Amino acid sequence: MKKIANSRIVIIFALIIIAMLIRLLPHPNNFTPIAAIALFSGALLGRKWYAFVVPMVIMLLSDIVIGFHSTMWAVYLSFALVVALGMFLCKNMRFANVFLTALLSAVLFFLITNFACYLHGWYGYTLSGLATCYQMAIPFFRMELLSTMVYSLAFWGVYTLVHKKVWAVR
């Protein structure tokens, strides 16, 4: 059992390093594994406070290099909520559940971060301004959704393979 716990720690640190590199290297806009890592931090680490630390460390360290902006609070809040969502996934990590929570994670991130943009008043403080704000963000949402789905399903596939093949042998 101790080896499984150590293996999880190694996997988590590997994810942190990979995610930071992906964020720092050139990549398509909004195509990063951060939401998927937040989801899986909650799922794999369970109801422990350090499940929240993993995505926050990735974001903080890479944001120190990339830079911060005025809506970062919404980004960090979104990822914290995605970790919490992942905690519900931990008991039943099946394909359909991973798919649905990844979809919900991307939608949650889209709604929160773009509402933060709306609060700046760039589109006016009207219902029309809110609608315009979300409409202007749709191209970014496509990539966020695609990356969250791709990375979440990839992480789930790797986790399932490692869990069944490698850990089962031990």
N, C-alpha and C. Protein backbone atom coordinates (compact mmCIF):
# COMPACT_ATOMS: atom_id res chain seq x y z
N MET A 1 0.83 -1.20 0.00
CA MET A 1 0.00 0.00 0.00
C MET A 1 0.86 1.25 0.00
N LYS A 2 2.00 1.19 0.70
CA LYS A 2 2.91 2.33 0.77
C LYS A 2 3.49 2.62 -0.62
N LYS A 3 3.76 1.55 -1.41
CA LYS A 3 4.30 1.74 -2.76
C LYS A 3 3.29 2.44 -3.65
N ILE A 4 2.02 2.12 -3.49
CA ILE A 4 0.97 2.79 -4.28
C ILE A 4 0.92 4.26 -3.93
N ALA A 5 1.00 4.59 -2.65
CA ALA A 5 0.99 5.99 -2.23
C ALA A 5 2.20 6.72 -2.79
N ASN A 6 3.38 6.09 -2.73
CA ASN A 6 4.58 6.70 -3.29
C ASN A 6 4.47 6.86 -4.80
N SER A 7 3.86 5.89 -5.48
CA SER A 7 3.67 5.99 -6.92
C SER A 7 2.76 7.16 -7.27
N ARG A 8 1.74 7.37 -6.47
CA ARG A 8 0.86 8.51 -6.71
C ARG A 8 1.61 9.83 -6.55
N ILE A 9 2.47 9.91 -5.56
CA ILE A 9 3.25 11.13 -5.34
C ILE A 9 4.16 11.38 -6.53
N VAL A 10 4.81 10.34 -7.03
CA VAL A 10 5.68 10.48 -8.21
C VAL A 10 4.86 10.94 -9.41
N ILE A 11 3.70 10.34 -9.61
CA ILE A 11 2.84 10.74 -10.74
C ILE A 11 2.42 12.20 -10.59
N ILE A 12 2.07 12.60 -9.40
CA ILE A 12 1.62 13.98 -9.18
C ILE A 12 2.75 14.97 -9.46
N PHE A 13 3.95 14.69 -8.97
CA PHE A 13 5.06 15.60 -9.23
C PHE A 13 5.42 15.61 -10.71
N ALA A 14 5.31 14.48 -11.37
CA ALA A 14 5.55 14.44 -12.82
C ALA A 14 4.52 15.31 -13.54
N LEU A 15 3.27 15.23 -13.12
CA LEU A 15 2.23 16.07 -13.72
C LEU A 15 2.51 17.55 -13.50
N ILE A 16 2.98 17.91 -12.32
CA ILE A 16 3.30 19.31 -12.05
C ILE A 16 4.37 19.81 -13.01
N ILE A 17 5.42 19.03 -13.16
CA ILE A 17 6.52 19.44 -14.04
C ILE A 17 6.06 19.50 -15.49
N ILE A 18 5.34 18.48 -15.95
CA ILE A 18 4.84 18.47 -17.33
C ILE A 18 3.90 19.64 -17.58
N ALA A 19 2.99 19.88 -16.66
CA ALA A 19 2.03 20.98 -16.84
C ALA A 19 2.72 22.33 -16.88
N MET A 20 3.71 22.52 -16.02
CA MET A 20 4.44 23.80 -16.03
C MET A 20 5.17 23.98 -17.36
N LEU A 21 5.78 22.92 -17.85
CA LEU A 21 6.47 23.02 -19.14
C LEU A 21 5.49 23.32 -20.27
N ILE A 22 4.35 22.66 -20.25
CA ILE A 22 3.35 22.91 -21.29
C ILE A 22 2.86 24.35 -21.24
N ARG A 23 2.66 24.89 -20.04
CA ARG A 23 2.23 26.29 -19.93
C ARG A 23 3.30 27.25 -20.39
N LEU A 24 4.56 26.92 -20.18
CA LEU A 24 5.65 27.84 -20.49
C LEU A 24 6.12 27.73 -21.95
N LEU A 25 5.94 26.57 -22.56
CA LEU A 25 6.34 26.40 -23.95
C LEU A 25 5.21 26.87 -24.87
N PRO A 26 5.53 27.24 -26.10
CA PRO A 26 4.47 27.67 -27.03
C PRO A 26 3.42 26.55 -27.22
N HIS A 27 2.17 26.95 -27.18
CA HIS A 27 1.06 26.02 -27.34
C HIS A 27 -0.15 26.81 -27.86
N PRO A 28 -1.14 26.13 -28.42
CA PRO A 28 -2.35 26.84 -28.84
C PRO A 28 -3.01 27.54 -27.65
N ASN A 29 -3.61 28.68 -27.88
CA ASN A 29 -4.28 29.43 -26.80
C ASN A 29 -5.28 28.54 -26.06
N ASN A 30 -5.21 28.60 -24.74
CA ASN A 30 -6.12 27.87 -23.85
C ASN A 30 -6.04 26.35 -23.99
N PHE A 31 -4.98 25.83 -24.53
CA PHE A 31 -4.84 24.37 -24.65
C PHE A 31 -3.76 23.91 -23.68
N THR A 32 -4.14 23.82 -22.42
CA THR A 32 -3.22 23.38 -21.37
C THR A 32 -3.90 22.31 -20.52
N PRO A 33 -3.12 21.54 -19.78
CA PRO A 33 -3.70 20.46 -18.98
C PRO A 33 -4.12 20.86 -17.56
N ILE A 34 -4.13 22.15 -17.26
CA ILE A 34 -4.33 22.58 -15.87
C ILE A 34 -5.70 22.13 -15.32
N ALA A 35 -6.75 22.32 -16.08
CA ALA A 35 -8.08 21.91 -15.59
C ALA A 35 -8.13 20.40 -15.37
N ALA A 36 -7.55 19.64 -16.29
CA ALA A 36 -7.54 18.19 -16.14
C ALA A 36 -6.72 17.77 -14.92
N ILE A 37 -5.62 18.46 -14.70
CA ILE A 37 -4.80 18.15 -13.52
C ILE A 37 -5.55 18.52 -12.24
N ALA A 38 -6.26 19.64 -12.26
CA ALA A 38 -7.06 20.02 -11.10
C ALA A 38 -8.12 18.95 -10.82
N LEU A 39 -8.76 18.49 -11.87
CA LEU A 39 -9.79 17.46 -11.74
C LEU A 39 -9.19 16.17 -11.15
N PHE A 40 -8.05 15.76 -11.68
CA PHE A 40 -7.44 14.53 -11.21
C PHE A 40 -6.75 14.68 -9.86
N SER A 41 -6.34 15.87 -9.50
CA SER A 41 -5.82 16.09 -8.15
C SER A 41 -6.91 15.80 -7.13
N GLY A 42 -8.10 16.31 -7.40
CA GLY A 42 -9.23 16.03 -6.52
C GLY A 42 -9.59 14.56 -6.51
N ALA A 43 -9.56 13.93 -7.67
CA ALA A 43 -9.96 12.53 -7.77
C ALA A 43 -8.94 11.59 -7.15
N LEU A 44 -7.67 11.83 -7.38
CA LEU A 44 -6.64 10.90 -6.92
C LEU A 44 -6.19 11.16 -5.49
N LEU A 45 -6.21 12.41 -5.09
CA LEU A 45 -5.75 12.72 -3.74
C LEU A 45 -6.89 12.71 -2.73
N GLY A 46 -8.11 12.61 -3.23
CA GLY A 46 -9.25 12.53 -2.34
C GLY A 46 -9.53 13.82 -1.59
N ARG A 47 -10.12 13.69 -0.46
CA ARG A 47 -10.54 14.87 0.32
C ARG A 47 -9.42 15.37 1.23
N LYS A 48 -8.31 15.70 0.62
CA LYS A 48 -7.18 16.22 1.38
C LYS A 48 -6.85 17.61 0.86
N TRP A 49 -6.38 18.46 1.74
CA TRP A 49 -6.11 19.85 1.38
C TRP A 49 -5.07 19.96 0.28
N TYR A 50 -4.13 19.01 0.22
CA TYR A 50 -3.08 19.16 -0.78
C TYR A 50 -3.56 18.85 -2.19
N ALA A 51 -4.76 18.34 -2.34
CA ALA A 51 -5.33 18.19 -3.68
C ALA A 51 -5.48 19.57 -4.33
N PHE A 52 -5.72 20.58 -3.51
CA PHE A 52 -5.84 21.95 -4.02
C PHE A 52 -4.47 22.56 -4.32
N VAL A 53 -3.45 22.08 -3.64
CA VAL A 53 -2.11 22.66 -3.79
C VAL A 53 -1.53 22.37 -5.18
N VAL A 54 -1.75 21.18 -5.71
CA VAL A 54 -1.13 20.79 -6.98
C VAL A 54 -1.42 21.77 -8.10
N PRO A 55 -2.70 22.02 -8.45
CA PRO A 55 -2.93 22.97 -9.54
C PRO A 55 -2.54 24.41 -9.19
N MET A 56 -2.66 24.76 -7.91
CA MET A 56 -2.30 26.13 -7.51
C MET A 56 -0.79 26.36 -7.63
N VAL A 57 0.00 25.36 -7.30
CA VAL A 57 1.46 25.48 -7.45
C VAL A 57 1.82 25.60 -8.92
N ILE A 58 1.19 24.78 -9.76
CA ILE A 58 1.44 24.87 -11.20
C ILE A 58 1.13 26.27 -11.70
N MET A 59 -0.04 26.77 -11.34
CA MET A 59 -0.45 28.10 -11.79
C MET A 59 0.47 29.18 -11.25
N LEU A 60 0.74 29.14 -9.98
CA LEU A 60 1.54 30.19 -9.36
C LEU A 60 2.95 30.25 -9.94
N LEU A 61 3.61 29.10 -10.02
CA LEU A 61 4.98 29.08 -10.54
C LEU A 61 5.05 29.50 -12.01
N SER A 62 4.11 29.02 -12.80
CA SER A 62 4.14 29.42 -14.21
C SER A 62 3.66 30.86 -14.40
N ASP A 63 2.75 31.33 -13.56
CA ASP A 63 2.31 32.73 -13.66
C ASP A 63 3.41 33.71 -13.25
N ILE A 64 4.30 33.28 -12.38
CA ILE A 64 5.44 34.13 -12.04
C ILE A 64 6.26 34.42 -13.29
N VAL A 65 6.38 33.42 -14.16
CA VAL A 65 7.13 33.59 -15.41
C VAL A 65 6.28 34.30 -16.47
N ILE A 66 5.05 33.84 -16.64
CA ILE A 66 4.16 34.37 -17.69
C ILE A 66 3.64 35.75 -17.34
N GLY A 67 3.27 35.94 -16.09
CA GLY A 67 2.69 37.20 -15.64
C GLY A 67 1.27 37.00 -15.15
N PHE A 68 0.84 37.94 -14.35
CA PHE A 68 -0.50 37.91 -13.77
C PHE A 68 -1.38 38.94 -14.47
N HIS A 69 -2.68 38.78 -14.34
CA HIS A 69 -3.62 39.77 -14.87
C HIS A 69 -4.74 39.98 -13.85
N SER A 70 -5.59 40.93 -14.13
CA SER A 70 -6.58 41.36 -13.14
C SER A 70 -7.69 40.34 -12.85
N THR A 71 -7.82 39.33 -13.67
CA THR A 71 -8.86 38.33 -13.42
C THR A 71 -8.29 36.99 -12.94
N MET A 72 -7.07 37.01 -12.46
CA MET A 72 -6.44 35.77 -11.99
C MET A 72 -7.21 35.15 -10.83
N TRP A 73 -7.83 35.98 -10.01
CA TRP A 73 -8.60 35.44 -8.89
C TRP A 73 -9.67 34.47 -9.39
N ALA A 74 -10.28 34.79 -10.54
CA ALA A 74 -11.32 33.93 -11.10
C ALA A 74 -10.74 32.63 -11.65
N VAL A 75 -9.55 32.71 -12.21
CA VAL A 75 -8.88 31.52 -12.74
C VAL A 75 -8.55 30.57 -11.59
N TYR A 76 -7.96 31.11 -10.53
CA TYR A 76 -7.60 30.27 -9.38
C TYR A 76 -8.86 29.72 -8.70
N LEU A 77 -9.88 30.53 -8.55
CA LEU A 77 -11.14 30.06 -7.97
C LEU A 77 -11.73 28.94 -8.81
N SER A 78 -11.72 29.11 -10.12
CA SER A 78 -12.25 28.08 -11.01
C SER A 78 -11.54 26.76 -10.83
N PHE A 79 -10.21 26.81 -10.78
CA PHE A 79 -9.46 25.57 -10.62
C PHE A 79 -9.66 24.95 -9.24
N ALA A 80 -9.85 25.76 -8.22
CA ALA A 80 -10.16 25.22 -6.89
C ALA A 80 -11.51 24.49 -6.92
N LEU A 81 -12.48 25.05 -7.61
CA LEU A 81 -13.79 24.39 -7.73
C LEU A 81 -13.69 23.12 -8.56
N VAL A 82 -12.81 23.11 -9.55
CA VAL A 82 -12.60 21.89 -10.35
C VAL A 82 -11.98 20.79 -9.49
N VAL A 83 -11.06 21.16 -8.60
CA VAL A 83 -10.50 20.18 -7.65
C VAL A 83 -11.63 19.59 -6.81
N ALA A 84 -12.49 20.44 -6.29
CA ALA A 84 -13.62 19.98 -5.48
C ALA A 84 -14.52 19.05 -6.30
N LEU A 85 -14.73 19.38 -7.55
CA LEU A 85 -15.51 18.52 -8.44
C LEU A 85 -14.82 17.16 -8.60
N GLY A 86 -13.50 17.17 -8.71
CA GLY A 86 -12.75 15.93 -8.82
C GLY A 86 -12.87 15.04 -7.60
N MET A 87 -13.09 15.64 -6.44
CA MET A 87 -13.25 14.86 -5.22
C MET A 87 -14.48 13.97 -5.28
N PHE A 88 -15.48 14.38 -6.02
CA PHE A 88 -16.66 13.54 -6.20
C PHE A 88 -16.38 12.42 -7.20
N LEU A 89 -15.42 12.65 -8.07
CA LEU A 89 -15.06 11.66 -9.08
C LEU A 89 -14.26 10.51 -8.49
N CYS A 90 -13.56 10.75 -7.38
CA CYS A 90 -12.61 9.77 -6.85
C CYS A 90 -13.23 8.42 -6.53
N LYS A 91 -14.48 8.39 -6.18
CA LYS A 91 -15.11 7.13 -5.80
C LYS A 91 -15.51 6.27 -6.99
N ASN A 92 -15.63 6.89 -8.16
CA ASN A 92 -16.14 6.16 -9.31
C ASN A 92 -15.52 6.70 -10.59
N MET A 93 -14.26 6.37 -10.83
CA MET A 93 -13.55 6.89 -12.00
C MET A 93 -13.80 6.00 -13.22
N ARG A 94 -14.99 6.09 -13.75
CA ARG A 94 -15.33 5.40 -14.99
C ARG A 94 -15.30 6.41 -16.13
N PHE A 95 -15.24 5.89 -17.35
CA PHE A 95 -15.14 6.75 -18.53
C PHE A 95 -16.23 7.82 -18.56
N ALA A 96 -17.47 7.42 -18.37
CA ALA A 96 -18.58 8.38 -18.45
C ALA A 96 -18.46 9.46 -17.39
N ASN A 97 -18.05 9.10 -16.19
CA ASN A 97 -17.90 10.09 -15.11
C ASN A 97 -16.76 11.06 -15.40
N VAL A 98 -15.65 10.53 -15.91
CA VAL A 98 -14.52 11.39 -16.27
C VAL A 98 -14.95 12.35 -17.38
N PHE A 99 -15.64 11.82 -18.37
CA PHE A 99 -16.11 12.64 -19.48
C PHE A 99 -17.03 13.77 -18.99
N LEU A 100 -17.99 13.42 -18.17
CA LEU A 100 -18.96 14.42 -17.69
C LEU A 100 -18.32 15.45 -16.76
N THR A 101 -17.45 15.02 -15.87
CA THR A 101 -16.81 15.99 -14.97
C THR A 101 -15.83 16.87 -15.72
N ALA A 102 -15.18 16.35 -16.75
CA ALA A 102 -14.29 17.18 -17.58
C ALA A 102 -15.11 18.23 -18.32
N LEU A 103 -16.24 17.82 -18.85
CA LEU A 103 -17.14 18.76 -19.54
C LEU A 103 -17.63 19.84 -18.57
N LEU A 104 -18.07 19.42 -17.41
CA LEU A 104 -18.54 20.37 -16.40
C LEU A 104 -17.42 21.30 -15.94
N SER A 105 -16.21 20.78 -15.83
CA SER A 105 -15.05 21.59 -15.43
C SER A 105 -14.80 22.72 -16.42
N ALA A 106 -14.83 22.40 -17.70
CA ALA A 106 -14.60 23.41 -18.74
C ALA A 106 -15.70 24.47 -18.72
N VAL A 107 -16.94 24.03 -18.55
CA VAL A 107 -18.07 24.98 -18.50
C VAL A 107 -17.95 25.87 -17.27
N LEU A 108 -17.62 25.30 -16.14
CA LEU A 108 -17.44 26.05 -14.90
C LEU A 108 -16.35 27.11 -15.06
N PHE A 109 -15.22 26.72 -15.62
CA PHE A 109 -14.11 27.65 -15.86
C PHE A 109 -14.56 28.78 -16.78
N PHE A 110 -15.26 28.44 -17.84
CA PHE A 110 -15.76 29.43 -18.81
C PHE A 110 -16.69 30.44 -18.13
N LEU A 111 -17.64 29.94 -17.37
CA LEU A 111 -18.62 30.82 -16.73
C LEU A 111 -17.99 31.75 -15.70
N ILE A 112 -17.12 31.22 -14.87
CA ILE A 112 -16.52 32.03 -13.80
C ILE A 112 -15.53 33.05 -14.35
N THR A 113 -14.62 32.61 -15.20
CA THR A 113 -13.58 33.53 -15.69
C THR A 113 -14.16 34.62 -16.58
N ASN A 114 -15.16 34.29 -17.35
CA ASN A 114 -15.74 35.32 -18.21
C ASN A 114 -16.67 36.24 -17.44
N PHE A 115 -17.26 35.76 -16.37
CA PHE A 115 -18.02 36.66 -15.51
C PHE A 115 -17.08 37.67 -14.87
N ALA A 116 -15.87 37.23 -14.52
CA ALA A 116 -14.87 38.15 -13.97
C ALA A 116 -14.51 39.22 -15.00
N CYS A 117 -14.42 38.83 -16.26
CA CYS A 117 -14.17 39.83 -17.32
C CYS A 117 -15.33 40.81 -17.41
N TYR A 118 -16.53 40.30 -17.31
CA TYR A 118 -17.72 41.15 -17.34
C TYR A 118 -17.69 42.18 -16.20
N LEU A 119 -17.23 41.76 -15.03
CA LEU A 119 -17.18 42.66 -13.87
C LEU A 119 -16.25 43.86 -14.09
N HIS A 120 -15.35 43.76 -15.04
CA HIS A 120 -14.47 44.90 -15.35
C HIS A 120 -15.21 46.00 -16.11
N GLY A 121 -16.38 45.69 -16.62
CA GLY A 121 -17.16 46.70 -17.32
C GLY A 121 -16.76 46.92 -18.77
N TRP A 122 -15.93 46.05 -19.30
CA TRP A 122 -15.46 46.22 -20.67
C TRP A 122 -16.60 46.15 -21.69
N TYR A 123 -17.65 45.45 -21.35
CA TYR A 123 -18.79 45.30 -22.26
C TYR A 123 -20.03 46.02 -21.75
N GLY A 124 -19.89 46.77 -20.69
CA GLY A 124 -21.03 47.46 -20.08
C GLY A 124 -21.70 46.57 -19.06
N TYR A 125 -22.26 47.20 -18.06
CA TYR A 125 -22.92 46.45 -16.98
C TYR A 125 -24.40 46.26 -17.28
N THR A 126 -24.66 45.61 -18.39
CA THR A 126 -26.04 45.30 -18.79
C THR A 126 -26.12 43.82 -19.13
N LEU A 127 -27.34 43.34 -19.26
CA LEU A 127 -27.53 41.96 -19.68
C LEU A 127 -26.94 41.74 -21.07
N SER A 128 -27.07 42.74 -21.92
CA SER A 128 -26.49 42.67 -23.26
C SER A 128 -24.96 42.61 -23.18
N GLY A 129 -24.38 43.38 -22.26
CA GLY A 129 -22.93 43.35 -22.06
C GLY A 129 -22.46 41.99 -21.58
N LEU A 130 -23.22 41.37 -20.69
CA LEU A 130 -22.88 40.04 -20.20
C LEU A 130 -22.94 39.02 -21.34
N ALA A 131 -24.00 39.11 -22.14
CA ALA A 131 -24.14 38.21 -23.28
C ALA A 131 -22.99 38.40 -24.28
N THR A 132 -22.63 39.65 -24.53
CA THR A 132 -21.51 39.94 -25.44
C THR A 132 -20.21 39.38 -24.89
N CYS A 133 -20.01 39.54 -23.60
CA CYS A 133 -18.79 39.03 -22.95
C CYS A 133 -18.66 37.52 -23.16
N TYR A 134 -19.73 36.79 -22.91
CA TYR A 134 -19.69 35.34 -23.10
C TYR A 134 -19.56 34.98 -24.58
N GLN A 135 -20.22 35.72 -25.43
CA GLN A 135 -20.15 35.46 -26.87
C GLN A 135 -18.71 35.65 -27.39
N MET A 136 -18.05 36.70 -26.93
CA MET A 136 -16.68 36.97 -27.37
C MET A 136 -15.70 35.90 -26.86
N ALA A 137 -16.08 35.19 -25.83
CA ALA A 137 -15.19 34.19 -25.24
C ALA A 137 -15.36 32.80 -25.84
N ILE A 138 -16.34 32.61 -26.68
CA ILE A 138 -16.61 31.27 -27.24
C ILE A 138 -15.39 30.66 -27.94
N PRO A 139 -14.64 31.41 -28.76
CA PRO A 139 -13.46 30.78 -29.38
C PRO A 139 -12.46 30.23 -28.35
N PHE A 140 -12.30 30.93 -27.24
CA PHE A 140 -11.40 30.46 -26.19
C PHE A 140 -11.99 29.24 -25.48
N PHE A 141 -13.31 29.22 -25.35
CA PHE A 141 -13.98 28.09 -24.70
C PHE A 141 -13.78 26.81 -25.50
N ARG A 142 -13.82 26.92 -26.81
CA ARG A 142 -13.63 25.72 -27.65
C ARG A 142 -12.30 25.03 -27.31
N MET A 143 -11.25 25.83 -27.22
CA MET A 143 -9.94 25.25 -26.93
C MET A 143 -9.85 24.77 -25.49
N GLU A 144 -10.45 25.51 -24.56
CA GLU A 144 -10.47 25.08 -23.16
C GLU A 144 -11.21 23.75 -23.03
N LEU A 145 -12.35 23.65 -23.68
CA LEU A 145 -13.14 22.42 -23.65
C LEU A 145 -12.35 21.27 -24.27
N LEU A 146 -11.78 21.51 -25.43
CA LEU A 146 -11.02 20.47 -26.12
C LEU A 146 -9.83 20.00 -25.28
N SER A 147 -9.08 20.95 -24.73
CA SER A 147 -7.91 20.55 -23.93
C SER A 147 -8.32 19.83 -22.66
N THR A 148 -9.37 20.29 -22.00
CA THR A 148 -9.82 19.63 -20.78
C THR A 148 -10.28 18.21 -21.07
N MET A 149 -11.00 18.03 -22.16
CA MET A 149 -11.48 16.70 -22.52
C MET A 149 -10.31 15.79 -22.91
N VAL A 150 -9.44 16.29 -23.78
CA VAL A 150 -8.31 15.47 -24.25
C VAL A 150 -7.40 15.07 -23.10
N TYR A 151 -6.98 16.05 -22.30
CA TYR A 151 -6.08 15.74 -21.19
C TYR A 151 -6.76 14.89 -20.13
N SER A 152 -8.01 15.15 -19.81
CA SER A 152 -8.71 14.36 -18.79
C SER A 152 -8.83 12.90 -19.22
N LEU A 153 -9.24 12.69 -20.46
CA LEU A 153 -9.38 11.32 -20.94
C LEU A 153 -8.01 10.64 -21.06
N ALA A 154 -6.99 11.39 -21.44
CA ALA A 154 -5.64 10.83 -21.50
C ALA A 154 -5.15 10.45 -20.11
N PHE A 155 -5.34 11.34 -19.13
CA PHE A 155 -4.93 11.04 -17.76
C PHE A 155 -5.70 9.84 -17.22
N TRP A 156 -7.00 9.79 -17.50
CA TRP A 156 -7.80 8.67 -17.05
C TRP A 156 -7.30 7.37 -17.67
N GLY A 157 -7.01 7.41 -18.97
CA GLY A 157 -6.51 6.22 -19.66
C GLY A 157 -5.18 5.75 -19.09
N VAL A 158 -4.26 6.67 -18.89
CA VAL A 158 -2.96 6.32 -18.32
C VAL A 158 -3.13 5.81 -16.89
N TYR A 159 -3.93 6.50 -16.11
CA TYR A 159 -4.16 6.08 -14.73
C TYR A 159 -4.76 4.67 -14.69
N THR A 160 -5.75 4.42 -15.52
CA THR A 160 -6.41 3.11 -15.56
C THR A 160 -5.42 2.03 -15.97
N LEU A 161 -4.62 2.32 -16.98
CA LEU A 161 -3.63 1.36 -17.45
C LEU A 161 -2.60 1.06 -16.36
N VAL A 162 -2.07 2.11 -15.75
CA VAL A 162 -1.07 1.93 -14.70
C VAL A 162 -1.68 1.22 -13.50
N HIS A 163 -2.87 1.62 -13.13
CA HIS A 163 -3.54 1.03 -11.96
C HIS A 163 -3.79 -0.46 -12.18
N LYS A 164 -4.28 -0.83 -13.35
CA LYS A 164 -4.63 -2.23 -13.61
C LYS A 164 -3.41 -3.08 -13.93
N LYS A 165 -2.48 -2.53 -14.69
CA LYS A 165 -1.34 -3.33 -15.15
C LYS A 165 -0.17 -3.31 -14.18
N VAL A 166 0.24 -2.13 -13.77
CA VAL A 166 1.45 -2.01 -12.96
C VAL A 166 1.16 -2.29 -11.49
N TRP A 167 0.18 -1.59 -10.91
CA TRP A 167 -0.08 -1.76 -9.49
C TRP A 167 -0.68 -3.13 -9.19
N ALA A 168 -1.38 -3.71 -10.15
CA ALA A 168 -1.96 -5.04 -9.93
C ALA A 168 -0.87 -6.10 -9.81
N VAL A 169 0.26 -5.89 -10.49
CA VAL A 169 1.36 -6.83 -10.45
C VAL A 169 2.03 -6.82 -9.08
N ARG A 170 2.06 -5.66 -8.44
CA ARG A 170 2.74 -5.54 -7.14
C ARG A 170 1.93 -6.20 -6.12
